[in-house]
C-alpha atoms as a PDB file:
ATOM      1  CA  MET A   1      75.064  91.522   5.777  1.00  0.00           C
ATOM      2  CA  LEU A   2      78.840  90.713   6.578  1.00  0.00           C
ATOM      3  CA  PRO A   3      80.822  89.201   3.756  1.00  0.00           C
ATOM      4  CA  GLU A   4      82.331  85.739   4.359  1.00  0.00           C
ATOM      5  CA  GLY A   5      85.700  85.243   5.707  1.00  0.00           C
ATOM      6  CA  PRO A   6      87.608  87.531   8.158  1.00  0.00           C
ATOM      7  CA  CYS A   7      86.438  91.252   8.076  1.00  0.00           C
ATOM      8  CA  ILE A   8      88.026  94.642   9.059  1.00  0.00           C
ATOM      9  CA  GLN A   9      86.083  97.627   9.904  1.00  0.00           C
ATOM     10  CA  CYS A  10      87.155 100.686   8.300  1.00  0.00           C
ATOM     11  CA  GLN A  11      85.675 104.320   8.403  1.00  0.00           C
ATOM     12  CA  ALA A  12      83.871 105.385   5.204  1.00  0.00           C
ATOM     13  CA  MET A  13      82.747 108.794   4.035  1.00  0.00           C
ATOM     14  CA  SER A  14      79.359 107.981   5.491  1.00  0.00           C
ATOM     15  CA  GLY A  15      78.662 105.336   8.296  1.00  0.00           C
ATOM     16  CA  THR A  16      80.710 102.455   8.714  1.00  0.00           C
ATOM     17  CA  GLU A  17      81.650  99.968   5.844  1.00  0.00           C
ATOM     18  CA  TRP A  18      82.984  96.073   6.214  1.00  0.00           C
ATOM     19  CA  THR A  19      85.505  94.884   3.814  1.00  0.00           C
ATOM     20  CA  THR A  20      87.226  91.542   3.720  1.00  0.00           C
ATOM     21  CA  ALA A  21      90.904  91.490   5.074  1.00  0.00           C
ATOM     22  CA  GLY A  22      93.490  91.276   2.108  1.00  0.00           C
ATOM     23  CA  ARG A  23      96.100  88.686   1.598  1.00  0.00           C
ATOM     24  CA  PRO A  24      99.327  89.191   3.478  1.00  0.00           C
ATOM     25  CA  ARG A  25     101.780  91.225   1.241  1.00  0.00           C
ATOM     26  CA  ASN A  26     105.138  90.157   0.441  1.00  0.00           C
ATOM     27  CA  ASN A  27     107.208  93.239   1.257  1.00  0.00           C
ATOM     28  CA  TYR A  28     110.376  92.697  -1.008  1.00  0.00           C
ATOM     29  CA  ARG A  29     113.568  94.223  -0.152  1.00  0.00           C
ATOM     30  CA  MET A  30     114.255  97.331  -1.867  1.00  0.00           C
ATOM     31  CA  PRO A  31     117.907  97.826  -3.292  1.00  0.00           C
ATOM     32  CA  LEU A  32     119.755 100.924  -1.763  1.00  0.00           C
ATOM     33  CA  GLU A  33     121.500 102.919  -4.128  1.00  0.00           C
ATOM     34  CA  LEU A  34     123.928 104.649  -2.022  1.00  0.00           C
ATOM     35  CA  THR A  35     127.006 106.451  -3.273  1.00  0.00           C
ATOM     36  CA  ASP A  36     130.425 105.645  -2.214  1.00  0.00           C
ATOM     37  CA  ILE A  37     130.678 108.698   0.408  1.00  0.00           C
ATOM     38  CA  GLU A  38     127.309 107.850   1.774  1.00  0.00           C
ATOM     39  CA  LEU A  39     128.446 104.192   2.270  1.00  0.00           C
ATOM     40  CA  GLU A  40     131.592 105.535   4.067  1.00  0.00           C
ATOM     41  CA  THR A  41     129.631 107.727   6.144  1.00  0.00           C
ATOM     42  CA  ALA A  42     127.273 104.999   7.314  1.00  0.00           C
ATOM     43  CA  ALA A  43     130.260 102.760   8.189  1.00  0.00           C
ATOM     44  CA  ARG A  44     132.083 105.524  10.095  1.00  0.00           C
ATOM     45  CA  ALA A  45     128.855 106.487  11.898  1.00  0.00           C
ATOM     46  CA  CYS A  46     128.310 102.690  13.098  1.00  0.00           C
ATOM     47  CA  ARG A  47     131.787 102.258  13.830  1.00  0.00           C
ATOM     48  CA  ALA A  48     131.488 105.488  16.131  1.00  0.00           C
ATOM     49  CA  LEU A  49     128.167 103.991  17.731  1.00  0.00           C
ATOM     50  CA  ALA A  50     130.091 100.669  18.365  1.00  0.00           C
ATOM     51  CA  TYR A  51     132.930 102.525  20.055  1.00  0.00           C
ATOM     52  CA  GLN A  52     130.470 104.565  22.281  1.00  0.00           C
ATOM     53  CA  GLU A  53     128.658 101.567  23.321  1.00  0.00           C
ATOM     54  CA  GLU A  54     131.683  99.463  24.227  1.00  0.00           C
ATOM     55  CA  LEU A  55     132.870 102.557  26.410  1.00  0.00           C
ATOM     56  CA  ALA A  56     129.359 102.414  27.953  1.00  0.00           C
ATOM     57  CA  ALA A  57     129.513  98.883  28.273  1.00  0.00           C
ATOM     58  CA  ARG A  58     132.838  98.920  30.125  1.00  0.00           C
ATOM     59  CA  LYS A  59     131.768 101.666  32.599  1.00  0.00           C
ATOM     60  CA  MET A  60     128.476  99.517  33.580  1.00  0.00           C
ATOM     61  CA  GLU A  61     129.034  97.383  36.854  1.00  0.00           C
ATOM     62  CA  ASN A  62     125.954  95.340  36.764  1.00  0.00           C
ATOM     63  CA  PRO A  63     126.644  92.542  34.308  1.00  0.00           C
ATOM     64  CA  SER A  64     123.054  91.862  33.627  1.00  0.00           C
ATOM     65  CA  MET A  65     122.843  95.830  32.217  1.00  0.00           C
ATOM     66  CA  ARG A  66     126.000  95.178  30.428  1.00  0.00           C
ATOM     67  CA  GLY A  67     124.888  92.767  28.109  1.00  0.00           C
ATOM     68  CA  PRO A  68     122.374  94.555  26.064  1.00  0.00           C
ATOM     69  CA  ILE A  69     124.782  97.538  25.609  1.00  0.00           C
ATOM     70  CA  GLU A  70     127.512  95.095  24.393  1.00  0.00           C
ATOM     71  CA  ASN A  71     124.917  93.744  21.967  1.00  0.00           C
ATOM     72  CA  THR A  72     124.272  96.734  20.704  1.00  0.00           C
ATOM     73  CA  ALA A  73     128.027  97.483  20.183  1.00  0.00           C
ATOM     74  CA  LYS A  74     128.288  94.104  18.273  1.00  0.00           C
ATOM     75  CA  ARG A  75     125.449  94.801  15.912  1.00  0.00           C
ATOM     76  CA  ALA A  76     126.803  98.337  15.038  1.00  0.00           C
ATOM     77  CA  ALA A  77     130.216  96.921  14.478  1.00  0.00           C
ATOM     78  CA  VAL A  78     128.462  93.949  12.219  1.00  0.00           C
ATOM     79  CA  LEU A  79     126.347  96.772  10.158  1.00  0.00           C
ATOM     80  CA  ALA A  80     129.590  98.880   9.907  1.00  0.00           C
ATOM     81  CA  GLU A  81     131.368  95.876   8.190  1.00  0.00           C
ATOM     82  CA  LYS A  82     128.234  95.303   5.963  1.00  0.00           C
ATOM     83  CA  PHE A  83     128.594  99.141   4.815  1.00  0.00           C
ATOM     84  CA  GLU A  84     132.206  98.373   4.314  1.00  0.00           C
ATOM     85  CA  ALA A  85     131.847  95.344   2.035  1.00  0.00           C
ATOM     86  CA  ALA A  86     129.147  97.116   0.132  1.00  0.00           C
ATOM     87  CA  ARG A  87     131.610  99.803  -0.496  1.00  0.00           C
ATOM     88  CA  LYS A  88     134.349  97.667  -1.520  1.00  0.00           C
ATOM     89  CA  ARG A  89     131.737  95.633  -4.193  1.00  0.00           C
ATOM     90  CA  SER A  90     130.700  98.956  -5.483  1.00  0.00           C
ATOM     91  CA  ALA A  91     134.280 100.190  -6.033  1.00  0.00           C
ATOM     92  CA  LEU A  92     134.892  96.870  -7.735  1.00  0.00           C
ATOM     93  CA  GLU A  93     131.926  97.130  -9.997  1.00  0.00           C
ATOM     94  CA  HIS A  94     132.674 100.567 -11.216  1.00  0.00           C
ATOM     95  CA  LEU A  95     136.084  99.300 -12.331  1.00  0.00           C
END
């Protein structure tokens, strides 16, 4: 006999068992504890990626192919700014 409600099937040690589907989990953000040098490295890596993607986008002749590459460059630049801002906040907290 199956339990009421939505079910999922999972393999047990012997045979097949039925369990009810669990409630959706709330995945809370885990704060990252990065050092100043790690934040700087991450920002530099994002800046380098943004620069390389900008160069690649300039070389593309097809505008429809250029758009996704330009978007990647913009996302990398925004992420670099976030790492740099986190580094500044961290420096101010340690004063």
